[in-house]
Amino acid sequence: MSNLLTLQSSKYGVTERKKQELDELSQKVLNAESLVEQLEAIVNSLTDKSNKLKTDLATAETNKNKALSNKDLVDEVVENLLTLKNNSELTFNETVLAESKIKKVSKEISHLIDKLIFSAEIINKLGNLVIRTKATNPLISDELVTMVTTASSDANNAVALTLVALQSVFAAQATTKESEAAVALEMLQAIKLYEFVIGDDTVDNIQSDVPLSPATSIRGLLYTAYVISENMYNQALAASNDTIKQLNNTKRELSKAQINLSSLQAGYAAANAAALAS
């Protein structure tokens, strides 16, 4: 009887110990299942977040590329405007120089006409004197009369031709003045347009670490837009990379947790089967 009680007591102790072990294994399985569920939820959340950040990154990259294209375009426009401004200033200076030279030529021609008129008057007087003298003095040759008459005619023709030349110079001077006014207007417009595009903003002051530069010109605003879009892209890229890193780490933890859960479930099933068999 004592041996029977001892056997029953021993059997009861073994059963309680196995039950305790099964309870402990069951709790570990539950804990492992809870951890797997938590990690799966985190993976799903990070996956959604990563997908959204990838979309945001693609948008940020598109915006940055557009801003860069605009920045390059305004640089090209500035170069063209600078060339136009320089050419306008050069043309204006050349026009002013040409007008100055034309004024000088007109003065020289005026002086020449004065001298020609004086010479023509002298020659005409000499010719009249020779002709009158010829009428009273047959010794004066006909050749001298012819030479004096020809000289008088040539002098008058020279005066007439010089007057025509002076008139042409005046016409050229008037045209040059009109051209100078037009070129001056073009030059002023080119300068104003160039200054409007570049403004007083200093491009070197637009730094990548400044979120918003106080730019007011077209070039300054486009440069600022590029800096902002570049910063936004870098921030989106950093956020996306960080989320991907977190997601990969969590996936690795989830994989380990799933392996651990499978191992615990297998161990629990084996222990439970052994307990039932005994």
C-alpha atoms as a PDB file:
ATOM      1  CA  MET A   1       0.000   0.000   0.000  1.00  0.00           C
ATOM      2  CA  SER A   2       2.821   2.380   0.866  1.00  0.00           C
ATOM      3  CA  ASN A   3       4.552   1.546  -2.399  1.00  0.00           C
ATOM      4  CA  LEU A   4       1.349   2.277  -4.317  1.00  0.00           C
ATOM      5  CA  LEU A   5       0.969   5.650  -2.658  1.00  0.00           C
ATOM      6  CA  THR A   6       4.598   6.464  -3.351  1.00  0.00           C
ATOM      7  CA  LEU A   7       4.170   5.526  -7.028  1.00  0.00           C
ATOM      8  CA  GLN A   8       1.029   7.607  -7.320  1.00  0.00           C
ATOM      9  CA  SER A   9       2.722  10.548  -5.608  1.00  0.00           C
ATOM     10  CA  SER A  10       5.727  10.227  -7.905  1.00  0.00           C
ATOM     11  CA  LYS A  11       3.503  10.018 -10.968  1.00  0.00           C
ATOM     12  CA  TYR A  12       1.532  13.033  -9.790  1.00  0.00           C
ATOM     13  CA  GLY A  13       4.762  15.020  -9.346  1.00  0.00           C
ATOM     14  CA  VAL A  14       5.916  14.145 -12.834  1.00  0.00           C
ATOM     15  CA  THR A  15       2.572  15.162 -14.287  1.00  0.00           C
ATOM     16  CA  GLU A  16       2.608  18.503 -12.501  1.00  0.00           C
ATOM     17  CA  ARG A  17       6.162  19.185 -13.656  1.00  0.00           C
ATOM     18  CA  LYS A  18       5.253  18.393 -17.284  1.00  0.00           C
ATOM     19  CA  LYS A  19       2.162  20.544 -17.001  1.00  0.00           C
ATOM     20  CA  GLN A  20       4.311  23.384 -15.683  1.00  0.00           C
ATOM     21  CA  GLU A  21       6.768  22.902 -18.525  1.00  0.00           C
ATOM     22  CA  LEU A  22       3.915  22.899 -21.033  1.00  0.00           C
ATOM     23  CA  ASP A  23       2.495  26.058 -19.478  1.00  0.00           C
ATOM     24  CA  GLU A  24       5.905  27.721 -19.713  1.00  0.00           C
ATOM     25  CA  LEU A  25       6.285  26.635 -23.336  1.00  0.00           C
ATOM     26  CA  SER A  26       2.763  27.820 -24.073  1.00  0.00           C
ATOM     27  CA  GLN A  27       3.531  31.219 -22.588  1.00  0.00           C
ATOM     28  CA  LYS A  28       6.730  31.451 -24.609  1.00  0.00           C
ATOM     29  CA  VAL A  29       4.752  30.613 -27.748  1.00  0.00           C
ATOM     30  CA  LEU A  30       2.219  33.303 -26.910  1.00  0.00           C
ATOM     31  CA  ASN A  31       4.972  35.817 -26.284  1.00  0.00           C
ATOM     32  CA  ALA A  32       6.670  34.854 -29.531  1.00  0.00           C
ATOM     33  CA  GLU A  33       3.377  35.149 -31.418  1.00  0.00           C
ATOM     34  CA  SER A  34       2.804  38.584 -29.896  1.00  0.00           C
ATOM     35  CA  LEU A  35       6.305  39.692 -30.907  1.00  0.00           C
ATOM     36  CA  VAL A  36       5.778  38.400 -34.442  1.00  0.00           C
ATOM     37  CA  GLU A  37       2.480  40.255 -34.676  1.00  0.00           C
ATOM     38  CA  GLN A  38       4.096  43.465 -33.430  1.00  0.00           C
ATOM     39  CA  LEU A  39       6.990  43.161 -35.873  1.00  0.00           C
ATOM     40  CA  GLU A  40       4.598  42.353 -38.734  1.00  0.00           C
ATOM     41  CA  ALA A  41       2.594  45.471 -37.895  1.00  0.00           C
ATOM     42  CA  ILE A  42       5.798  47.533 -37.810  1.00  0.00           C
ATOM     43  CA  VAL A  43       6.951  46.041 -41.140  1.00  0.00           C
ATOM     44  CA  ASN A  44       3.586  46.852 -42.730  1.00  0.00           C
ATOM     45  CA  SER A  45       3.684  50.390 -41.353  1.00  0.00           C
ATOM     46  CA  LEU A  46       7.269  50.950 -42.477  1.00  0.00           C
ATOM     47  CA  THR A  47       6.456  49.461 -45.891  1.00  0.00           C
ATOM     48  CA  ASP A  48       3.585  51.928 -46.342  1.00  0.00           C
ATOM     49  CA  LYS A  49       5.790  54.762 -45.111  1.00  0.00           C
ATOM     50  CA  SER A  50       8.635  53.712 -47.419  1.00  0.00           C
ATOM     51  CA  ASN A  51       6.310  53.571 -50.442  1.00  0.00           C
ATOM     52  CA  LYS A  52       4.982  57.043 -49.667  1.00  0.00           C
ATOM     53  CA  LEU A  53       8.494  58.406 -49.179  1.00  0.00           C
ATOM     54  CA  LYS A  54       9.576  56.880 -52.491  1.00  0.00           C
ATOM     55  CA  THR A  55       6.708  58.715 -54.173  1.00  0.00           C
ATOM     56  CA  ASP A  56       7.670  61.928 -52.384  1.00  0.00           C
ATOM     57  CA  LEU A  57      11.301  61.375 -53.392  1.00  0.00           C
ATOM     58  CA  ALA A  58      10.341  60.922 -57.050  1.00  0.00           C
ATOM     59  CA  THR A  59       8.311  64.140 -56.918  1.00  0.00           C
ATOM     60  CA  ALA A  60      11.160  65.981 -55.190  1.00  0.00           C
ATOM     61  CA  GLU A  61      13.609  64.739 -57.815  1.00  0.00           C
ATOM     62  CA  THR A  62      11.315  65.913 -60.624  1.00  0.00           C
ATOM     63  CA  ASN A  63      10.985  69.330 -58.983  1.00  0.00           C
ATOM     64  CA  LYS A  64      14.754  69.555 -58.484  1.00  0.00           C
ATOM     65  CA  ASN A  65      15.414  68.681 -62.126  1.00  0.00           C
ATOM     66  CA  LYS A  66      12.908  71.298 -63.273  1.00  0.00           C
ATOM     67  CA  ALA A  67      14.469  73.899 -60.974  1.00  0.00           C
ATOM     68  CA  LEU A  68      17.937  73.004 -62.277  1.00  0.00           C
ATOM     69  CA  SER A  69      16.695  73.331 -65.857  1.00  0.00           C
ATOM     70  CA  ASN A  70      15.260  76.762 -65.039  1.00  0.00           C
ATOM     71  CA  LYS A  71      18.517  77.754 -63.329  1.00  0.00           C
ATOM     72  CA  ASP A  72      20.566  76.702 -66.370  1.00  0.00           C
ATOM     73  CA  LEU A  73      18.102  78.488 -68.656  1.00  0.00           C
ATOM     74  CA  VAL A  74      18.327  81.767 -66.752  1.00  0.00           C
ATOM     75  CA  ASP A  75      22.150  81.505 -66.854  1.00  0.00           C
ATOM     76  CA  GLU A  76      21.926  81.195 -70.636  1.00  0.00           C
ATOM     77  CA  VAL A  77      19.511  84.130 -70.816  1.00  0.00           C
ATOM     78  CA  VAL A  78      21.837  86.248 -68.674  1.00  0.00           C
ATOM     79  CA  GLU A  79      24.761  85.439 -70.986  1.00  0.00           C
ATOM     80  CA  ASN A  80      22.701  86.421 -74.032  1.00  0.00           C
ATOM     81  CA  LEU A  81      21.502  89.612 -72.361  1.00  0.00           C
ATOM     82  CA  LEU A  82      25.061  90.487 -71.366  1.00  0.00           C
ATOM     83  CA  THR A  83      26.172  90.003 -74.974  1.00  0.00           C
ATOM     84  CA  LEU A  84      23.270  92.148 -76.193  1.00  0.00           C
ATOM     85  CA  LYS A  85      24.114  94.864 -73.647  1.00  0.00           C
ATOM     86  CA  ASN A  86      27.808  94.865 -74.567  1.00  0.00           C
ATOM     87  CA  ASN A  87      27.043  94.919 -78.299  1.00  0.00           C
ATOM     88  CA  SER A  88      24.538  97.769 -77.809  1.00  0.00           C
ATOM     89  CA  GLU A  89      27.057  99.793 -75.834  1.00  0.00           C
ATOM     90  CA  LEU A  90      29.738  99.126 -78.469  1.00  0.00           C
ATOM     91  CA  THR A  91      27.377 100.113 -81.293  1.00  0.00           C
ATOM     92  CA  PHE A  92      26.340 103.263 -79.436  1.00  0.00           C
ATOM     93  CA  ASN A  93      29.949 104.263 -78.836  1.00  0.00           C
ATOM     94  CA  GLU A  94      30.800 103.624 -82.492  1.00  0.00           C
ATOM     95  CA  THR A  95      27.765 105.650 -83.591  1.00  0.00           C
ATOM     96  CA  VAL A  96      28.782 108.553 -81.355  1.00  0.00           C
ATOM     97  CA  LEU A  97      32.320 108.337 -82.747  1.00  0.00           C
ATOM     98  CA  ALA A  98      30.983 108.250 -86.310  1.00  0.00           C
ATOM     99  CA  GLU A  99      28.841 111.340 -85.665  1.00  0.00           C
ATOM    100  CA  SER A 100      31.869 113.103 -84.227  1.00  0.00           C
ATOM    101  CA  LYS A 101      33.893 112.259 -87.327  1.00  0.00           C
ATOM    102  CA  ILE A 102      31.047 113.398 -89.609  1.00  0.00           C
ATOM    103  CA  LYS A 103      30.899 116.731 -87.753  1.00  0.00           C
ATOM    104  CA  LYS A 104      34.626 117.099 -88.237  1.00  0.00           C
ATOM    105  CA  VAL A 105      34.318 116.309 -91.956  1.00  0.00           C
ATOM    106  CA  SER A 106      31.447 118.794 -92.338  1.00  0.00           C
ATOM    107  CA  LYS A 107      33.559 121.524 -90.740  1.00  0.00           C
ATOM    108  CA  GLU A 108      36.488 120.713 -92.998  1.00  0.00           C
ATOM    109  CA  ILE A 109      34.242 120.776 -96.082  1.00  0.00           C
ATOM    110  CA  SER A 110      32.754 124.095 -94.947  1.00  0.00           C
ATOM    111  CA  HIS A 111      36.245 125.551 -94.638  1.00  0.00           C
ATOM    112  CA  LEU A 112      37.111 124.087 -98.040  1.00  0.00           C
ATOM    113  CA  ILE A 113      34.016 125.670 -99.603  1.00  0.00           C
ATOM    114  CA  ASP A 114      34.927 129.043 -98.151  1.00  0.00           C
ATOM    115  CA  LYS A 115      38.370 128.743 -99.712  1.00  0.00           C
ATOM    116  CA  LEU A 116      36.935 127.535-103.029  1.00  0.00           C
ATOM    117  CA  ILE A 117      34.429 130.386-103.143  1.00  0.00           C
ATOM    118  CA  PHE A 118      37.194 132.882-102.424  1.00  0.00           C
ATOM    119  CA  SER A 119      39.389 131.273-105.084  1.00  0.00           C
ATOM    120  CA  ALA A 120      36.498 131.200-107.573  1.00  0.00           C
ATOM    121  CA  GLU A 121      35.837 134.912-106.999  1.00  0.00           C
ATOM    122  CA  ILE A 122      39.499 135.714-107.592  1.00  0.00           C
ATOM    123  CA  ILE A 123      39.580 133.555-110.730  1.00  0.00           C
ATOM    124  CA  ASN A 124      36.318 135.107-112.007  1.00  0.00           C
ATOM    125  CA  LYS A 125      37.681 138.638-111.430  1.00  0.00           C
ATOM    126  CA  LEU A 126      40.922 137.662-113.150  1.00  0.00           C
ATOM    127  CA  GLY A 127      38.977 136.238-116.061  1.00  0.00           C
ATOM    128  CA  ASN A 128      36.868 139.383-116.444  1.00  0.00           C
ATOM    129  CA  LEU A 129      40.029 141.489-116.308  1.00  0.00           C
ATOM    130  CA  VAL A 130      41.739 139.391-118.984  1.00  0.00           C
ATOM    131  CA  ILE A 131      38.692 139.545-121.225  1.00  0.00           C
ATOM    132  CA  ARG A 132      38.365 143.335-120.868  1.00  0.00           C
ATOM    133  CA  THR A 133      42.078 143.789-121.422  1.00  0.00           C
ATOM    134  CA  LYS A 134      41.943 141.481-124.465  1.00  0.00           C
ATOM    135  CA  ALA A 135      39.374 143.802-125.997  1.00  0.00           C
ATOM    136  CA  THR A 136      41.794 146.708-125.830  1.00  0.00           C
ATOM    137  CA  ASN A 137      45.079 144.844-126.140  1.00  0.00           C
ATOM    138  CA  PRO A 138      45.346 142.350-128.994  1.00  0.00           C
ATOM    139  CA  LEU A 139      48.693 141.160-127.695  1.00  0.00           C
ATOM    140  CA  ILE A 140      46.924 139.068-125.052  1.00  0.00           C
ATOM    141  CA  SER A 141      46.679 135.584-126.509  1.00  0.00           C
ATOM    142  CA  ASP A 142      43.466 133.712-127.037  1.00  0.00           C
ATOM    143  CA  GLU A 143      44.990 130.760-125.154  1.00  0.00           C
ATOM    144  CA  LEU A 144      45.275 132.861-121.990  1.00  0.00           C
ATOM    145  CA  VAL A 145      41.650 133.922-122.334  1.00  0.00           C
ATOM    146  CA  THR A 146      40.627 130.283-122.822  1.00  0.00           C
ATOM    147  CA  MET A 147      42.691 129.154-119.826  1.00  0.00           C
ATOM    148  CA  VAL A 148      41.219 131.837-117.580  1.00  0.00           C
ATOM    149  CA  THR A 149      37.688 131.060-118.744  1.00  0.00           C
ATOM    150  CA  THR A 150      38.239 127.321-118.166  1.00  0.00           C
ATOM    151  CA  ALA A 151      39.733 127.970-114.735  1.00  0.00           C
ATOM    152  CA  SER A 152      36.736 130.115-113.803  1.00  0.00           C
ATOM    153  CA  SER A 153      34.341 127.406-114.959  1.00  0.00           C
ATOM    154  CA  ASP A 154      36.278 124.696-113.092  1.00  0.00           C
ATOM    155  CA  ALA A 155      36.299 126.797-109.940  1.00  0.00           C
ATOM    156  CA  ASN A 156      32.538 127.271-110.091  1.00  0.00           C
ATOM    157  CA  ASN A 157      32.058 123.547-110.728  1.00  0.00           C
ATOM    158  CA  ALA A 158      34.318 122.722-107.783  1.00  0.00           C
ATOM    159  CA  VAL A 159      32.229 124.943-105.537  1.00  0.00           C
ATOM    160  CA  ALA A 160      29.021 123.291-106.784  1.00  0.00           C
ATOM    161  CA  LEU A 161      30.381 119.773-106.294  1.00  0.00           C
ATOM    162  CA  THR A 162      31.683 120.639-102.849  1.00  0.00           C
ATOM    163  CA  LEU A 163      28.254 121.989-101.915  1.00  0.00           C
ATOM    164  CA  VAL A 164      26.744 118.680-103.030  1.00  0.00           C
ATOM    165  CA  ALA A 165      29.287 116.832-100.887  1.00  0.00           C
ATOM    166  CA  LEU A 166      28.466 119.066 -97.933  1.00  0.00           C
ATOM    167  CA  GLN A 167      24.778 118.385 -98.435  1.00  0.00           C
ATOM    168  CA  SER A 168      25.519 114.638 -98.395  1.00  0.00           C
ATOM    169  CA  VAL A 169      27.499 115.069 -95.199  1.00  0.00           C
ATOM    170  CA  PHE A 170      24.577 116.916 -93.595  1.00  0.00           C
ATOM    171  CA  ALA A 171      22.234 114.127 -94.670  1.00  0.00           C
ATOM    172  CA  ALA A 172      24.616 111.518 -93.249  1.00  0.00           C
ATOM    173  CA  GLN A 173      24.848 113.526 -90.041  1.00  0.00           C
ATOM    174  CA  ALA A 174      21.067 113.611 -89.724  1.00  0.00           C
ATOM    175  CA  THR A 175      20.869 109.867 -90.363  1.00  0.00           C
ATOM    176  CA  THR A 176      23.610 109.252 -87.817  1.00  0.00           C
ATOM    177  CA  LYS A 177      21.736 111.301 -85.221  1.00  0.00           C
ATOM    178  CA  GLU A 178      18.610 109.241 -85.820  1.00  0.00           C
ATOM    179  CA  SER A 179      20.657 106.056 -85.609  1.00  0.00           C
ATOM    180  CA  GLU A 180      22.326 107.310 -82.448  1.00  0.00           C
ATOM    181  CA  ALA A 181      18.926 107.942 -80.844  1.00  0.00           C
ATOM    182  CA  ALA A 182      17.681 104.498 -81.848  1.00  0.00           C
ATOM    183  CA  VAL A 183      20.887 102.784 -80.699  1.00  0.00           C
ATOM    184  CA  ALA A 184      20.813 104.743 -77.433  1.00  0.00           C
ATOM    185  CA  LEU A 185      17.236 103.586 -76.807  1.00  0.00           C
ATOM    186  CA  GLU A 186      18.186  99.990 -77.630  1.00  0.00           C
ATOM    187  CA  MET A 187      21.211 100.211 -75.338  1.00  0.00           C
ATOM    188  CA  LEU A 188      19.130 101.587 -72.434  1.00  0.00           C
ATOM    189  CA  GLN A 189      16.514  98.878 -72.911  1.00  0.00           C
ATOM    190  CA  ALA A 190      19.201  96.175 -73.050  1.00  0.00           C
ATOM    191  CA  ILE A 191      20.815  97.511 -69.859  1.00  0.00           C
ATOM    192  CA  LYS A 192      17.473  97.731 -68.029  1.00  0.00           C
ATOM    193  CA  LEU A 193      16.475  94.232 -69.138  1.00  0.00           C
ATOM    194  CA  TYR A 194      19.829  92.817 -68.050  1.00  0.00           C
ATOM    195  CA  GLU A 195      19.633  94.548 -64.677  1.00  0.00           C
ATOM    196  CA  PHE A 196      16.013  93.434 -64.261  1.00  0.00           C
ATOM    197  CA  VAL A 197      17.005  89.799 -64.746  1.00  0.00           C
ATOM    198  CA  ILE A 198      20.123  89.841 -62.535  1.00  0.00           C
ATOM    199  CA  GLY A 199      18.985  92.568 -60.111  1.00  0.00           C
ATOM    200  CA  ASP A 200      21.195  93.415 -57.140  1.00  0.00           C
ATOM    201  CA  ASP A 201      21.149  89.848 -55.792  1.00  0.00           C
ATOM    202  CA  THR A 202      24.509  88.189 -55.270  1.00  0.00           C
ATOM    203  CA  VAL A 203      24.354  84.598 -56.443  1.00  0.00           C
ATOM    204  CA  ASP A 204      27.299  83.678 -54.203  1.00  0.00           C
ATOM    205  CA  ASN A 205      25.174  84.581 -51.174  1.00  0.00           C
ATOM    206  CA  ILE A 206      22.559  81.958 -52.052  1.00  0.00           C
ATOM    207  CA  GLN A 207      23.908  79.033 -50.061  1.00  0.00           C
ATOM    208  CA  SER A 208      22.617  75.463 -49.984  1.00  0.00           C
ATOM    209  CA  ASP A 209      22.159  75.590 -46.222  1.00  0.00           C
ATOM    210  CA  VAL A 210      19.896  78.621 -46.348  1.00  0.00           C
ATOM    211  CA  PRO A 211      16.228  77.609 -46.710  1.00  0.00           C
ATOM    212  CA  LEU A 212      15.153  80.887 -48.315  1.00  0.00           C
ATOM    213  CA  SER A 213      17.397  83.603 -49.681  1.00  0.00           C
ATOM    214  CA  PRO A 214      16.100  87.200 -49.861  1.00  0.00           C
ATOM    215  CA  ALA A 215      16.394  87.214 -53.634  1.00  0.00           C
ATOM    216  CA  THR A 216      14.233  89.589 -55.665  1.00  0.00           C
ATOM    217  CA  SER A 217      15.510  89.329 -59.242  1.00  0.00           C
ATOM    218  CA  ILE A 218      14.422  86.672 -61.715  1.00  0.00           C
ATOM    219  CA  ARG A 219      17.815  84.987 -61.566  1.00  0.00           C
ATOM    220  CA  GLY A 220      17.904  85.213 -57.777  1.00  0.00           C
ATOM    221  CA  LEU A 221      14.428  83.734 -57.432  1.00  0.00           C
ATOM    222  CA  LEU A 222      15.233  80.846 -59.778  1.00  0.00           C
ATOM    223  CA  TYR A 223      18.500  80.185 -57.962  1.00  0.00           C
ATOM    224  CA  THR A 224      16.634  80.207 -54.654  1.00  0.00           C
ATOM    225  CA  ALA A 225      13.995  77.862 -56.066  1.00  0.00           C
ATOM    226  CA  TYR A 226      16.733  75.438 -57.071  1.00  0.00           C
ATOM    227  CA  VAL A 227      18.378  75.604 -53.627  1.00  0.00           C
ATOM    228  CA  ILE A 228      15.031  74.937 -51.945  1.00  0.00           C
ATOM    229  CA  SER A 229      14.164  72.056 -54.279  1.00  0.00           C
ATOM    230  CA  GLU A 230      17.634  70.572 -53.799  1.00  0.00           C
ATOM    231  CA  ASN A 231      17.272  70.756 -50.013  1.00  0.00           C
ATOM    232  CA  MET A 232      13.832  69.168 -50.191  1.00  0.00           C
ATOM    233  CA  TYR A 233      15.186  66.386 -52.387  1.00  0.00           C
ATOM    234  CA  ASN A 234      18.080  65.735 -50.004  1.00  0.00           C
ATOM    235  CA  GLN A 235      15.686  65.644 -47.056  1.00  0.00           C
ATOM    236  CA  ALA A 236      13.334  63.283 -48.907  1.00  0.00           C
ATOM    237  CA  LEU A 237      16.275  61.067 -49.892  1.00  0.00           C
ATOM    238  CA  ALA A 238      17.579  60.941 -46.310  1.00  0.00           C
ATOM    239  CA  ALA A 239      14.097  60.130 -44.952  1.00  0.00           C
ATOM    240  CA  SER A 240      13.587  57.406 -47.566  1.00  0.00           C
ATOM    241  CA  ASN A 241      16.985  55.832 -46.927  1.00  0.00           C
ATOM    242  CA  ASP A 242      16.443  55.942 -43.158  1.00  0.00           C
ATOM    243  CA  THR A 243      13.020  54.298 -43.484  1.00  0.00           C
ATOM    244  CA  ILE A 244      14.394  51.604 -45.798  1.00  0.00           C
ATOM    245  CA  LYS A 245      17.141  50.927 -43.263  1.00  0.00           C
ATOM    246  CA  GLN A 246      14.579  50.633 -40.457  1.00  0.00           C
ATOM    247  CA  LEU A 247      12.409  48.386 -42.627  1.00  0.00           C
ATOM    248  CA  ASN A 248      15.285  46.053 -43.463  1.00  0.00           C
ATOM    249  CA  ASN A 249      16.321  45.841 -39.817  1.00  0.00           C
ATOM    250  CA  THR A 250      12.748  45.106 -38.740  1.00  0.00           C
ATOM    251  CA  LYS A 251      12.386  42.456 -41.447  1.00  0.00           C
ATOM    252  CA  ARG A 252      15.495  40.756 -40.114  1.00  0.00           C
ATOM    253  CA  GLU A 253      14.080  40.893 -36.564  1.00  0.00           C
ATOM    254  CA  LEU A 254      10.759  39.549 -37.887  1.00  0.00           C
ATOM    255  CA  SER A 255      12.515  36.696 -39.650  1.00  0.00           C
ATOM    256  CA  LYS A 256      14.346  35.763 -36.441  1.00  0.00           C
ATOM    257  CA  ALA A 257      11.115  36.050 -34.445  1.00  0.00           C
ATOM    258  CA  GLN A 258       9.269  33.824 -36.935  1.00  0.00           C
ATOM    259  CA  ILE A 259      12.021  31.215 -36.781  1.00  0.00           C
ATOM    260  CA  ASN A 260      11.947  31.374 -33.001  1.00  0.00           C
ATOM    261  CA  LEU A 261       8.133  31.048 -33.017  1.00  0.00           C
ATOM    262  CA  SER A 262       8.259  28.030 -35.311  1.00  0.00           C
ATOM    263  CA  SER A 263      10.855  26.440 -33.055  1.00  0.00           C
ATOM    264  CA  LEU A 264       8.776  27.117 -29.927  1.00  0.00           C
ATOM    265  CA  GLN A 265       5.599  25.836 -31.594  1.00  0.00           C
ATOM    266  CA  ALA A 266       7.384  22.654 -32.647  1.00  0.00           C
ATOM    267  CA  GLY A 267       8.817  22.226 -29.158  1.00  0.00           C
ATOM    268  CA  TYR A 268       5.434  22.780 -27.558  1.00  0.00           C
ATOM    269  CA  ALA A 269       3.773  20.310 -29.899  1.00  0.00           C
ATOM    270  CA  ALA A 270       6.411  17.661 -29.138  1.00  0.00           C
ATOM    271  CA  ALA A 271       6.207  18.255 -25.401  1.00  0.00           C
ATOM    272  CA  ASN A 272       2.418  18.140 -25.500  1.00  0.00           C
ATOM    273  CA  ALA A 273       2.462  14.885 -27.464  1.00  0.00           C
ATOM    274  CA  ALA A 274       4.944  13.383 -25.038  1.00  0.00           C
ATOM    275  CA  ALA A 275       2.786  14.448 -22.102  1.00  0.00           C
ATOM    276  CA  LEU A 276      -0.307  12.881 -23.621  1.00  0.00           C
ATOM    277  CA  ALA A 277       1.624   9.689 -24.419  1.00  0.00           C
ATOM    278  CA  SER A 278       2.757   9.362 -20.846  1.00  0.00           C
END
